[in-house]
Structures are given as structure tokens and as C-alpha cells.
N, C-alpha and C. Protein backbone atom coordinates (compact mmCIF):
# COMPACT_ATOMS: atom_id res chain seq x y z
N MET A 1 74.89 168.21 106.82
CA MET A 1 73.68 166.77 106.91
C MET A 1 74.65 165.77 107.77
N SER A 2 75.55 164.93 107.51
CA SER A 2 76.03 164.16 108.08
C SER A 2 76.44 164.34 109.43
N MET A 3 76.77 165.24 109.44
CA MET A 3 77.27 166.11 111.30
C MET A 3 75.56 166.05 112.02
N GLU A 4 74.60 166.06 111.77
CA GLU A 4 73.22 166.22 112.11
C GLU A 4 72.90 164.78 113.04
N ILE A 5 73.49 163.85 111.75
CA ILE A 5 73.28 162.41 111.97
C ILE A 5 73.94 161.61 112.90
N THR A 6 75.30 162.22 112.46
CA THR A 6 76.79 161.83 113.31
C THR A 6 76.43 162.40 114.89
N SER A 7 75.22 163.29 114.81
CA SER A 7 75.55 164.06 116.81
C SER A 7 74.07 163.04 117.04
N LEU A 8 72.51 162.54 116.03
CA LEU A 8 72.15 161.72 116.57
C LEU A 8 72.96 160.32 117.18
N ILE A 9 73.18 159.97 116.11
CA ILE A 9 74.26 158.54 116.41
C ILE A 9 74.42 158.59 117.82
N VAL A 10 75.39 159.98 118.32
CA VAL A 10 75.95 160.11 119.31
C VAL A 10 75.29 159.76 120.63
N LEU A 11 74.14 161.06 120.79
CA LEU A 11 73.16 160.94 121.61
C LEU A 11 72.43 159.14 121.84
N VAL A 12 72.00 158.78 120.97
CA VAL A 12 71.81 157.63 121.00
C VAL A 12 72.19 156.65 121.20
N SER A 13 73.76 156.39 120.90
CA SER A 13 74.03 155.49 121.73
C SER A 13 74.74 156.01 123.21
N LYS A 14 74.61 156.83 123.63
CA LYS A 14 74.74 157.30 124.96
C LYS A 14 73.06 158.02 125.68
N PRO A 15 72.45 156.39 125.70
CA PRO A 15 71.11 156.89 126.42
C PRO A 15 71.36 157.76 127.92
N THR A 16 71.95 157.69 128.51
CA THR A 16 72.13 158.19 129.74
C THR A 16 72.20 159.28 129.32
N VAL A 17 73.37 160.05 129.23
CA VAL A 17 73.32 161.52 128.66
C VAL A 17 71.92 162.50 127.19
N SER A 18 71.38 161.40 126.51
CA SER A 18 70.75 161.47 125.87
C SER A 18 68.76 161.86 126.52
N LEU A 19 69.27 160.90 127.36
CA LEU A 19 67.87 161.38 128.20
C LEU A 19 67.60 161.97 129.04
N PHE A 20 68.76 162.41 129.43
CA PHE A 20 69.38 163.78 131.22
C PHE A 20 69.09 164.55 129.88
N LEU A 21 69.53 165.26 128.83
CA LEU A 21 69.48 166.29 127.74
C LEU A 21 67.81 167.12 127.55
N ILE A 22 67.53 165.19 127.02
CA ILE A 22 65.62 165.60 126.80
C ILE A 22 64.95 165.65 128.21
N ALA A 23 64.91 165.06 129.69
CA ALA A 23 64.67 165.94 130.44
C ALA A 23 64.59 166.93 131.11
N LEU A 24 65.79 167.54 130.69
CA LEU A 24 66.56 168.80 131.21
C LEU A 24 65.37 169.58 130.12
N GLY A 25 65.21 169.26 128.66
CA GLY A 25 64.51 170.39 127.76
C GLY A 25 62.96 170.15 128.33
N VAL A 26 62.10 168.79 128.29
CA VAL A 26 60.87 168.88 128.92
C VAL A 26 60.69 169.31 130.08
N SER A 27 61.83 169.36 131.17
CA SER A 27 61.42 169.93 132.43
C SER A 27 61.43 171.78 132.17
N LEU A 28 62.69 171.79 131.58
CA LEU A 28 62.43 173.39 131.66
C LEU A 28 61.25 174.09 130.73
N THR A 29 60.83 173.65 130.35
CA THR A 29 59.80 174.51 129.43
C THR A 29 58.07 174.11 130.01
N ILE A 30 58.21 173.00 131.00
CA ILE A 30 57.17 172.78 131.77
C ILE A 30 56.91 174.02 133.22
N VAL A 31 58.36 173.64 133.34
CA VAL A 31 58.32 174.57 134.88
C VAL A 31 58.13 176.19 133.97
N LEU A 32 59.25 176.16 132.78
CA LEU A 32 58.76 177.54 132.04
C LEU A 32 57.56 178.07 131.39
N SER A 33 56.61 177.15 131.65
CA SER A 33 55.26 177.55 131.11
C SER A 33 54.64 177.74 132.25
N TYR A 34 55.34 177.39 133.90
CA TYR A 34 54.20 177.38 134.53
C TYR A 34 54.84 178.85 134.94
N LYS A 35 55.92 178.98 134.51
CA LYS A 35 56.09 180.61 135.28
C LYS A 35 55.61 181.29 134.66
N ILE A 36 55.51 181.21 133.43
CA ILE A 36 54.85 182.33 132.10
C ILE A 36 53.29 182.31 132.42
N PHE A 37 52.11 181.13 132.49
CA PHE A 37 51.09 181.02 132.42
C PHE A 37 50.58 181.28 133.83
N VAL A 38 50.66 180.97 135.11
CA VAL A 38 50.31 181.27 135.85
C VAL A 38 50.34 182.26 136.62
N ASP A 39 49.42 182.09 137.93
CA ASP A 39 49.83 183.88 138.51
C ASP A 39 50.11 183.52 139.30
N LEU A 40 51.57 183.16 139.97
CA LEU A 40 51.61 182.43 141.62
C LEU A 40 51.70 183.25 142.22
N GLU A 41 51.24 184.09 142.67
CA GLU A 41 51.14 185.03 143.74
C GLU A 41 49.56 185.01 144.20
N SER A 42 48.22 184.46 143.30
CA SER A 42 47.07 184.55 143.52
C SER A 42 47.21 182.89 143.70
N LEU A 43 48.06 182.54 143.66
CA LEU A 43 47.63 180.39 143.69
C LEU A 43 48.15 180.64 145.36
N ASN A 44 49.59 181.40 145.92
CA ASN A 44 49.68 181.41 146.52
C ASN A 44 48.78 181.64 148.09
N GLU A 45 48.25 183.02 147.80
CA GLU A 45 47.18 183.52 148.22
C GLU A 45 46.29 182.78 148.34
N ALA A 46 45.39 181.79 147.84
CA ALA A 46 44.33 181.06 147.19
C ALA A 46 44.52 179.90 148.72
N LYS A 47 46.16 179.82 148.69
CA LYS A 47 46.72 178.40 148.77
C LYS A 47 46.21 179.13 150.68
N LYS A 48 46.83 180.42 150.99
CA LYS A 48 46.52 180.66 152.31
C LYS A 48 45.11 180.54 153.26
N LYS A 49 43.92 180.94 152.36
CA LYS A 49 42.44 181.39 152.23
C LYS A 49 42.25 179.98 152.92
N LEU A 50 42.58 178.76 151.65
CA LEU A 50 41.99 177.41 151.42
C LEU A 50 42.24 177.08 152.95
N LYS A 51 43.86 177.09 153.18
CA LYS A 51 44.57 176.01 154.58
C LYS A 51 43.05 176.78 156.15
N LYS A 52 43.50 177.90 156.13
CA LYS A 52 42.28 179.11 157.08
C LYS A 52 41.05 178.41 157.07
N LEU A 53 40.49 178.04 155.46
CA LEU A 53 39.33 177.98 155.54
C LEU A 53 39.16 176.57 156.29
N GLN A 54 39.78 175.49 155.93
CA GLN A 54 40.00 174.16 156.16
C GLN A 54 39.82 174.00 157.74
N GLU A 55 40.84 174.60 158.40
CA GLU A 55 40.52 174.67 159.88
C GLU A 55 39.61 175.59 160.72
N ARG A 56 38.85 175.92 160.08
CA ARG A 56 37.09 176.68 160.30
C ARG A 56 36.43 176.03 160.25
N LEU A 57 36.56 175.16 159.35
CA LEU A 57 35.54 173.86 158.41
C LEU A 57 35.64 172.79 159.93
N ILE A 58 36.61 172.21 160.12
CA ILE A 58 36.88 171.71 161.36
C ILE A 58 36.31 172.49 162.54
N GLU A 59 36.38 173.76 163.10
CA GLU A 59 35.75 173.50 164.11
C GLU A 59 34.59 173.77 164.09
N VAL A 60 33.80 174.38 162.95
CA VAL A 60 32.56 174.60 162.76
C VAL A 60 32.16 173.02 162.67
N GLN A 61 32.34 171.94 161.95
CA GLN A 61 32.04 170.52 161.83
C GLN A 61 32.07 170.34 163.55
N ARG A 62 32.93 170.16 164.54
CA ARG A 62 32.81 169.59 165.55
C ARG A 62 31.51 170.59 166.60
N GLU A 63 31.03 172.31 166.18
CA GLU A 63 30.10 172.61 166.59
C GLU A 63 29.17 171.70 166.16
N LYS A 64 29.22 170.92 165.05
CA LYS A 64 27.87 170.60 164.09
C LYS A 64 26.91 171.73 164.07
N ASN A 65 27.46 172.64 163.33
CA ASN A 65 26.73 173.86 162.64
C ASN A 65 26.68 173.55 161.08
N VAL A 66 25.73 172.97 160.51
CA VAL A 66 25.74 172.36 159.31
C VAL A 66 25.66 173.40 158.15
N LYS A 67 25.04 174.73 158.12
CA LYS A 67 24.68 175.62 157.63
C LYS A 67 26.08 176.25 157.21
N GLU A 68 27.03 176.37 158.39
CA GLU A 68 28.01 177.03 158.48
C GLU A 68 28.61 176.56 157.44
N ALA A 69 29.35 175.11 157.93
CA ALA A 69 30.03 174.20 157.08
C ALA A 69 29.91 174.16 155.76
N ASN A 70 28.28 173.91 155.31
CA ASN A 70 28.05 174.28 154.09
C ASN A 70 28.61 175.54 153.38
N ARG A 71 28.36 176.66 153.82
CA ARG A 71 29.08 177.94 153.45
C ARG A 71 30.10 178.25 153.18
N ILE A 72 30.90 177.07 154.06
CA ILE A 72 32.61 177.28 154.26
C ILE A 72 33.27 176.16 152.99
N ILE A 73 32.58 175.43 152.40
CA ILE A 73 32.71 173.96 151.69
C ILE A 73 32.55 174.78 150.06
N ASP A 74 31.27 175.92 150.02
CA ASP A 74 30.74 176.61 149.12
C ASP A 74 32.58 177.12 148.78
N GLU A 75 32.85 177.81 149.70
CA GLU A 75 34.25 179.35 149.33
C GLU A 75 35.25 177.91 148.89
N MET A 76 35.24 177.21 149.60
CA MET A 76 36.97 176.36 149.03
C MET A 76 36.40 175.78 148.12
N THR A 77 35.16 175.59 147.52
CA THR A 77 35.05 174.68 146.09
C THR A 77 35.47 176.34 145.18
N LYS A 78 34.94 177.84 145.26
CA LYS A 78 35.46 178.90 144.85
C LYS A 78 36.60 178.53 144.26
N ILE A 79 37.55 178.53 145.29
CA ILE A 79 38.83 178.51 145.50
C ILE A 79 39.74 177.41 144.70
N ASN A 80 38.71 176.38 144.55
CA ASN A 80 39.89 175.58 143.98
C ASN A 80 39.51 175.55 141.92
N LYS A 81 38.17 176.25 142.15
CA LYS A 81 38.37 176.65 140.79
C LYS A 81 39.63 177.23 140.49
N VAL A 82 39.66 177.81 141.18
CA VAL A 82 41.03 178.88 140.86
C VAL A 82 42.49 178.43 140.56
N PHE A 83 42.29 177.09 141.29
CA PHE A 83 43.50 176.36 141.23
C PHE A 83 43.61 175.63 139.62
N ILE A 84 42.42 175.31 139.13
CA ILE A 84 42.53 174.31 138.31
C ILE A 84 42.37 175.76 136.76
N LYS A 85 42.02 176.92 137.15
CA LYS A 85 41.94 177.57 136.13
C LYS A 85 43.29 178.05 135.93
N GLU A 86 44.04 178.20 136.70
CA GLU A 86 45.34 178.75 136.29
C GLU A 86 45.99 177.16 136.27
N SER A 87 45.65 176.44 136.54
CA SER A 87 47.13 175.00 136.30
C SER A 87 46.57 174.69 134.71
N ILE A 88 44.83 174.98 134.02
CA ILE A 88 45.27 174.67 132.88
C ILE A 88 46.13 174.97 131.50
N LYS A 89 46.60 175.86 131.59
CA LYS A 89 47.16 176.11 130.60
C LYS A 89 48.98 175.23 130.65
N PRO A 90 49.37 175.62 131.69
CA PRO A 90 51.14 174.40 131.77
C PRO A 90 50.45 172.99 131.50
N MET A 91 49.40 172.45 132.17
CA MET A 91 49.37 171.18 132.12
C MET A 91 48.95 171.01 130.42
N ILE A 92 48.50 171.78 129.67
CA ILE A 92 48.22 171.59 128.32
C ILE A 92 49.39 171.07 127.76
N VAL A 93 50.32 172.21 128.45
CA VAL A 93 51.71 172.55 127.37
C VAL A 93 52.66 170.90 127.98
N SER A 94 52.56 170.39 129.30
CA SER A 94 52.55 169.17 129.73
C SER A 94 52.47 168.40 128.58
N LEU A 95 51.48 168.32 128.61
CA LEU A 95 50.25 167.09 127.68
C LEU A 95 50.67 167.10 126.41
N ILE A 96 51.06 168.16 126.06
CA ILE A 96 51.67 168.12 124.67
C ILE A 96 53.17 167.33 124.29
N LEU A 97 53.93 168.15 125.05
CA LEU A 97 55.35 167.37 125.46
C LEU A 97 55.85 166.21 125.84
N LEU A 98 54.84 165.83 126.54
CA LEU A 98 54.58 164.31 126.47
C LEU A 98 53.90 163.57 125.49
N VAL A 99 53.48 163.99 125.07
CA VAL A 99 52.52 162.45 123.78
C VAL A 99 53.24 163.05 123.07
N THR A 100 53.91 164.05 122.64
CA THR A 100 55.27 163.99 121.44
C THR A 100 56.87 163.43 121.76
N VAL A 101 57.35 163.37 122.88
CA VAL A 101 58.40 162.72 123.51
C VAL A 101 58.57 161.77 123.73
N PHE A 102 57.10 160.81 124.34
CA PHE A 102 57.28 159.68 125.04
C PHE A 102 57.59 158.58 123.96
N PRO A 103 56.73 158.75 122.57
CA PRO A 103 56.06 157.56 121.49
C PRO A 103 57.86 157.35 121.41
N VAL A 104 58.64 159.07 121.09
CA VAL A 104 59.45 158.74 120.61
C VAL A 104 60.39 157.69 121.05
N LEU A 105 61.05 158.38 122.59
CA LEU A 105 61.76 157.66 123.70
C LEU A 105 61.30 156.34 124.09
N SER A 106 59.98 156.14 123.29
CA SER A 106 59.56 154.39 123.93
C SER A 106 60.59 153.64 122.56
N LYS A 107 59.94 154.08 121.61
CA LYS A 107 60.52 153.54 120.34
C LYS A 107 62.69 153.51 120.21
N VAL A 108 63.10 154.08 120.68
CA VAL A 108 64.62 154.66 120.47
C VAL A 108 64.85 153.18 121.75
N TYR A 109 63.99 153.07 122.62
CA TYR A 109 65.17 152.74 123.54
C TYR A 109 64.41 151.80 124.54
N THR A 110 63.19 151.30 124.40
CA THR A 110 62.70 150.19 124.35
C THR A 110 63.57 148.52 124.78
N GLY A 111 63.43 147.95 125.40
CA GLY A 111 64.27 146.94 125.76
C GLY A 111 65.39 146.82 125.51
N LYS A 112 65.74 148.42 125.86
CA LYS A 112 67.54 148.58 126.32
C LYS A 112 67.62 149.04 127.40
N VAL A 113 68.80 148.38 128.33
CA VAL A 113 68.71 149.05 129.86
C VAL A 113 69.92 150.12 129.76
N VAL A 114 69.58 151.14 130.23
CA VAL A 114 70.15 152.68 129.90
C VAL A 114 71.07 153.06 130.97
N ALA A 115 70.57 152.21 132.34
CA ALA A 115 71.52 152.91 133.67
C ALA A 115 71.56 151.79 134.19
N LYS A 116 72.79 151.62 134.96
CA LYS A 116 72.69 150.35 136.37
C LYS A 116 73.60 151.09 137.38
N LEU A 117 72.77 150.80 138.56
CA LEU A 117 72.06 151.68 139.42
C LEU A 117 73.58 150.59 140.68
N PRO A 118 74.56 151.68 141.43
CA PRO A 118 75.56 150.57 142.34
C PRO A 118 74.69 149.91 143.34
N PHE A 119 73.59 150.60 142.88
CA PHE A 119 72.86 149.37 144.68
C PHE A 119 71.42 148.54 143.72
N SER A 120 70.49 148.07 144.31
CA SER A 120 69.61 147.51 143.31
C SER A 120 68.21 148.53 144.63
N LEU A 121 67.26 148.61 143.90
CA LEU A 121 65.90 149.19 144.63
C LEU A 121 64.86 148.33 144.25
N PRO A 122 63.73 148.29 145.34
CA PRO A 122 62.87 147.90 145.86
C PRO A 122 62.09 147.67 144.24
N PHE A 123 61.75 146.30 143.60
CA PHE A 123 60.69 146.21 142.84
C PHE A 123 61.39 146.42 141.26
N VAL A 124 62.06 147.28 141.54
CA VAL A 124 63.36 147.82 140.10
C VAL A 124 64.66 147.05 139.30
N GLY A 125 65.15 146.88 140.86
CA GLY A 125 67.07 146.41 140.52
C GLY A 125 67.33 147.03 140.78
N SER A 126 68.67 146.77 139.91
CA SER A 126 69.56 147.93 139.94
C SER A 126 70.02 148.34 138.24
N GLN A 127 68.79 147.76 137.21
CA GLN A 127 69.17 148.17 136.03
C GLN A 127 67.84 149.21 135.45
N LEU A 128 68.02 150.67 134.86
CA LEU A 128 66.89 150.68 135.01
C LEU A 128 66.58 150.91 133.56
N SER A 129 65.32 151.03 133.15
CA SER A 129 64.94 151.37 131.54
C SER A 129 65.45 152.72 131.25
N TRP A 130 64.61 153.42 129.99
CA TRP A 130 64.41 154.14 129.86
C TRP A 130 63.41 155.43 130.58
N ILE A 131 62.23 154.87 130.84
CA ILE A 131 61.68 155.24 131.60
C ILE A 131 61.55 155.58 133.43
N GLY A 132 62.44 154.94 133.77
CA GLY A 132 63.08 154.57 135.31
C GLY A 132 63.83 155.39 134.99
N TRP A 133 65.08 156.00 134.08
CA TRP A 133 65.96 156.94 134.29
C TRP A 133 65.78 157.99 133.90
N TYR A 134 63.90 158.59 133.27
CA TYR A 134 63.82 159.58 132.43
C TYR A 134 63.28 159.85 133.38
N ILE A 135 62.74 159.28 134.45
CA ILE A 135 61.92 159.53 136.11
C ILE A 135 62.92 160.28 136.92
N ILE A 136 63.83 159.45 137.25
CA ILE A 136 64.70 160.09 138.07
C ILE A 136 65.05 161.08 138.27
N VAL A 137 65.68 161.14 136.30
CA VAL A 137 66.13 162.74 136.16
C VAL A 137 65.33 163.93 135.90
N SER A 138 63.98 163.30 135.74
CA SER A 138 63.01 164.92 135.47
C SER A 138 62.66 165.04 136.68
N LEU A 139 62.58 163.81 137.94
CA LEU A 139 62.06 164.72 138.74
C LEU A 139 62.84 165.31 139.72
N THR A 140 64.25 164.79 139.93
CA THR A 140 65.39 165.93 140.44
C THR A 140 65.42 167.37 139.67
N ILE A 141 65.78 167.04 138.28
CA ILE A 141 65.70 168.37 137.61
C ILE A 141 64.26 169.51 137.57
N THR A 142 63.43 168.81 137.54
CA THR A 142 62.29 169.60 137.95
C THR A 142 62.04 170.78 139.25
N TRP A 143 62.90 169.40 140.15
CA TRP A 143 62.78 170.14 141.43
C TRP A 143 64.52 171.28 141.39
N ILE A 144 64.91 171.42 140.83
CA ILE A 144 66.11 172.18 140.66
C ILE A 144 65.89 173.13 140.35
N LEU A 145 65.28 173.20 139.29
CA LEU A 145 64.47 173.63 138.39
C LEU A 145 63.63 174.99 139.05
N LYS A 146 62.13 174.54 139.80
CA LYS A 146 61.39 175.44 140.29
C LYS A 146 62.01 176.36 141.42
N ARG A 147 63.19 175.21 142.29
CA ARG A 147 63.78 176.06 143.45
C ARG A 147 64.50 177.62 142.92
N LEU A 148 65.06 177.35 141.18
CA LEU A 148 66.00 178.59 140.88
C LEU A 148 64.92 179.71 140.22
N LEU A 149 63.92 178.74 139.68
CA LEU A 149 63.33 179.72 138.65
C LEU A 149 61.83 180.63 140.02
N GLY A 150 61.57 179.74 141.29
CA GLY A 150 60.98 181.10 141.90
C GLY A 150 59.37 180.39 141.52
N VAL A 151 59.61 178.85 140.45
CA VAL A 151 57.84 178.40 140.70
C VAL A 151 57.94 177.70 141.54
N GLU A 152 56.89 177.73 142.95
CA GLU A 152 56.45 176.70 143.81
C GLU A 152 55.09 176.68 143.75
N THR A 153 54.69 175.85 143.20
CA THR A 153 53.45 175.31 143.04
C THR A 153 52.88 174.10 143.86
């Protein structure tokens, strides 16, 4: 029991490391949920169809063919429903994770400088709060994990 408390104290006392590990866990869970719940092949196929339809729609609009434009828009709407349907489950996983993790992080780290950058960012400065550090780490980790696991959305 005291070992668990000691480990927790060490993590909280090194916020850059603890937030990195938390961001890694959250990002890995989110990327894996996309890999598990989303049919990436059908999404890629839908993206290709959507791109062709958008090109065709531009042509039809130049020709002022309203009937054909409406038909293409209807087809594009059906394809967009596929995107929405495929993204609901991983979105729910993401939402549950963020709703449970962010309040805890906020309570532990609010008001603390978590990281000091060797340069200054516009509107941010050189000192990052927990949310700034989390965003930088999370975006980087998520990008890397998507490449490694072949999850391109």
C-alpha cells in the first residue's frame, strides 16, 4: 500500500513525466478504439467516392445542372452518414476517457507550471500549464501511434 502511494507521489512530483504517461495511455486507448471499432477500408473507399463526387459536383454546377447537382449532393450526404456512423463508437470512448481523466488532472495540476520551454510561444509564453503540455504531448503521441498502428482517419 505504501509503495503505491510512494509511486503516486513520484508521478505527481514530476508532472512532465506523469502527464506524458497519462497522454500516452489516453492516446493509445483512443487510437486502438479507432482500429477496433472503425472499418478503415470502407472509410477510405468512402473518402475516394466523396472526392470524385465533389469534383463532379463542381463540373455540374458550372453547367448549371441543378437536378444532377441535387442528386450528387444526396449521394454525398449518404456517404457522410457512413463517416458519422463509423466514428460514433470511438468518439464515445474518447469522450468517456477525457471526461474522467481531465477533471482529475485539473484538480492535481491547476496553477502549477508543468514545463518550461527553451523558447517563447505566441499567446503562451515559455511556461506551460498542464493543459498546454498535455496537448503538445498528446498530439505528438497520437500522430506517432496512428502511423505505427496504421490508423489513418
